[in-house]
């Protein structure tokens, strides 16, 4: 089996041979010494196209989601969506005890949070985070807890910590 020796660093490293399809497609070739590799012009063009595609993908907007299974109460300094009981309309604040779909007690921690600006600001979403006393965090659609979120989020300065 052929292998490659990368001597670009302080210590040489041994790499597996490149896939034969790179040679048959005309992207790579061995130099005259039969040992060294070089990119062909088609390989260079393919690499440039890949790097442009990668840069375009990295430039696209994306959404971060803070770890939804963290077991911490919602931060009082961040916006929140108000969770209300469907039957009574009573507000359910983070830290309140609810019943899960099977009737077991859970602690409501707050909504999941997401960010579209690489984590500079966070906004609440429509999934409820809860914590079981004996086996950690879970996520539920609010309706399974007999509740519903308000459509509009409440700013942190309006929301009082409870």
Protein backbone atom coordinates (compact mmCIF):
# COMPACT_ATOMS: atom_id res chain seq x y z
CA UNK A 1 0.00 0.00 0.00
CA UNK A 2 1.24 3.45 -0.80
CA UNK A 3 1.23 6.19 1.78
CA UNK A 4 2.17 9.84 1.87
CA UNK A 5 4.67 11.50 4.15
CA UNK A 6 3.77 15.04 5.16
CA UNK A 7 7.01 16.88 5.92
CA UNK A 8 5.44 20.33 6.23
CA UNK A 9 5.73 20.42 10.03
CA UNK A 10 8.45 19.80 12.58
CA UNK A 11 7.64 16.09 12.67
CA UNK A 12 6.73 14.06 9.60
CA UNK A 13 3.30 12.47 9.58
CA UNK A 14 2.16 9.52 7.51
CA UNK A 15 -1.09 9.73 5.62
CA UNK A 16 -3.04 7.18 3.65
CA UNK A 17 -2.89 7.37 -0.11
CA UNK A 18 -5.45 9.66 -1.75
CA UNK A 19 -8.46 7.96 -3.33
CA UNK A 20 -7.71 6.72 -6.88
CA UNK A 21 -10.68 8.71 -8.21
CA UNK A 22 -8.66 11.91 -7.71
CA UNK A 23 -6.12 10.62 -10.21
CA UNK A 24 -8.64 9.24 -12.71
CA UNK A 25 -10.62 12.51 -12.59
CA UNK A 26 -7.41 14.39 -13.38
CA UNK A 27 -7.32 16.38 -10.14
CA UNK A 28 -4.03 14.96 -8.79
CA UNK A 29 -0.93 13.50 -10.41
CA UNK A 30 2.46 12.23 -9.36
CA UNK A 31 5.43 14.38 -10.28
CA UNK A 32 8.25 13.03 -12.43
CA UNK A 33 9.98 11.45 -9.41
CA UNK A 34 6.96 9.15 -8.96
CA UNK A 35 6.76 10.06 -5.27
CA UNK A 36 5.65 13.68 -4.93
CA UNK A 37 2.08 14.76 -5.65
CA UNK A 38 0.83 17.91 -7.27
CA UNK A 39 -2.54 19.42 -8.06
CA UNK A 40 -3.41 19.67 -11.72
CA UNK A 41 -5.02 22.84 -13.06
CA UNK A 42 -8.38 21.03 -12.89
CA UNK A 43 -7.62 20.11 -9.26
CA UNK A 44 -6.70 23.69 -8.49
CA UNK A 45 -9.95 24.91 -10.07
CA UNK A 46 -11.93 22.32 -8.09
CA UNK A 47 -10.21 23.37 -4.86
CA UNK A 48 -10.93 27.06 -5.58
CA UNK A 49 -14.60 26.23 -6.29
CA UNK A 50 -14.81 24.26 -3.04
CA UNK A 51 -13.30 27.11 -1.02
CA UNK A 52 -15.70 29.62 -2.60
CA UNK A 53 -18.64 27.32 -1.81
CA UNK A 54 -17.40 26.88 1.77
CA UNK A 55 -17.06 30.66 2.21
CA UNK A 56 -20.58 31.19 0.82
CA UNK A 57 -21.98 28.63 3.28
CA UNK A 58 -20.16 30.28 6.19
CA UNK A 59 -21.61 33.66 5.19
CA UNK A 60 -25.20 32.38 5.42
CA UNK A 61 -27.15 33.38 8.53
CA UNK A 62 -27.68 30.62 11.05
CA UNK A 63 -29.40 30.12 14.36
CA UNK A 64 -27.67 29.03 17.54
CA UNK A 65 -29.63 27.23 20.22
CA UNK A 66 -28.38 27.40 23.78
CA UNK A 67 -28.14 23.93 25.30
CA UNK A 68 -31.84 23.20 25.79
CA UNK A 69 -31.26 20.49 28.41
CA UNK A 70 -29.34 22.72 30.81
CA UNK A 71 -30.89 22.61 34.24
CA UNK A 72 -30.87 26.28 35.16
CA UNK A 73 -33.79 28.63 35.59
CA UNK A 74 -34.41 31.18 32.87
CA UNK A 75 -32.17 34.21 33.31
CA UNK A 76 -34.06 37.20 34.69
CA UNK A 77 -32.13 39.64 32.47
CA UNK A 78 -33.28 38.01 29.21
CA UNK A 79 -36.59 38.28 27.35
CA UNK A 80 -39.10 35.52 28.01
CA UNK A 81 -42.40 34.26 26.66
CA UNK A 82 -45.09 33.99 29.29
CA UNK A 83 -46.38 30.45 29.77
CA UNK A 84 -50.07 30.27 30.77
CA UNK A 85 -52.33 27.43 31.80
CA UNK A 86 -54.78 26.72 28.99
CA UNK A 87 -57.78 26.26 31.30
CA UNK A 88 -57.36 29.19 33.71
CA UNK A 89 -54.98 31.53 31.90
CA UNK A 90 -52.84 31.71 35.04
CA UNK A 91 -49.18 32.59 34.42
CA UNK A 92 -46.66 29.84 35.06
CA UNK A 93 -43.33 31.35 36.12
CA UNK A 94 -39.94 29.61 35.88
CA UNK A 95 -39.45 27.54 39.02
CA UNK A 96 -43.12 26.50 39.25
CA UNK A 97 -44.01 22.83 39.60
CA UNK A 98 -46.18 21.32 36.85
CA UNK A 99 -47.34 17.85 35.90
CA UNK A 100 -45.78 16.21 32.83
CA UNK A 101 -47.96 14.29 30.33
CA UNK A 102 -47.92 11.21 32.56
CA UNK A 103 -48.72 13.18 35.73
CA UNK A 104 -45.22 13.23 37.28
CA UNK A 105 -44.12 16.50 38.91
CA UNK A 106 -41.60 18.59 36.96
CA UNK A 107 -40.08 22.02 37.51
CA UNK A 108 -40.64 24.50 34.68
CA UNK A 109 -37.30 26.14 33.87
CA UNK A 110 -38.29 28.47 31.02
CA UNK A 111 -38.37 28.41 27.22
CA UNK A 112 -35.54 27.26 25.01
CA UNK A 113 -33.44 30.17 23.69
CA UNK A 114 -32.04 30.83 20.21
CA UNK A 115 -29.89 33.50 18.59
CA UNK A 116 -29.53 34.69 15.00
CA UNK A 117 -26.55 36.97 15.67
CA UNK A 118 -23.95 34.45 16.80
CA UNK A 119 -24.98 34.60 20.46
CA UNK A 120 -24.97 38.37 21.00
CA UNK A 121 -28.69 38.45 21.82
CA UNK A 122 -31.00 35.57 22.67
CA UNK A 123 -34.73 35.23 22.07
CA UNK A 124 -37.18 32.78 23.59
CA UNK A 125 -38.70 30.05 21.43
CA UNK A 126 -41.87 28.00 21.89
CA UNK A 127 -40.53 24.86 23.60
CA UNK A 128 -40.73 24.45 27.37
CA UNK A 129 -37.71 23.26 29.34
CA UNK A 130 -38.51 21.22 32.44
CA UNK A 131 -36.45 19.34 35.00
CA UNK A 132 -37.31 16.08 36.73
CA UNK A 133 -36.03 15.72 40.28
CA UNK A 134 -34.45 12.33 39.58
CA UNK A 135 -33.44 12.31 35.89
CA UNK A 136 -32.59 15.76 34.60
CA UNK A 137 -33.89 18.07 31.90
CA UNK A 138 -36.50 17.41 29.21
CA UNK A 139 -38.24 19.45 26.52
CA UNK A 140 -41.98 19.52 25.90
CA UNK A 141 -44.33 21.37 23.62
CA UNK A 142 -46.32 23.55 26.03
CA UNK A 143 -49.65 21.92 25.10
CA UNK A 144 -48.48 18.61 26.57
CA UNK A 145 -48.12 20.43 29.90
CA UNK A 146 -51.61 21.91 29.64
CA UNK A 147 -50.19 25.34 28.82
CA UNK A 148 -49.57 27.75 25.97
CA UNK A 149 -47.00 30.49 25.35
CA UNK A 150 -47.96 34.09 24.61
CA UNK A 151 -47.11 34.96 21.02
CA UNK A 152 -45.15 38.06 22.02
CA UNK A 153 -42.02 37.97 24.13
CA UNK A 154 -41.71 40.17 27.20
CA UNK A 155 -38.63 42.37 27.54
CA UNK A 156 -36.34 41.68 30.45
CA UNK A 157 -36.98 45.05 32.13
CA UNK A 158 -40.75 44.29 32.24
CA UNK A 159 -40.32 40.74 33.48
CA UNK A 160 -39.77 40.63 37.23
CA UNK A 161 -37.73 37.77 38.68
CA UNK A 162 -39.88 35.42 40.72
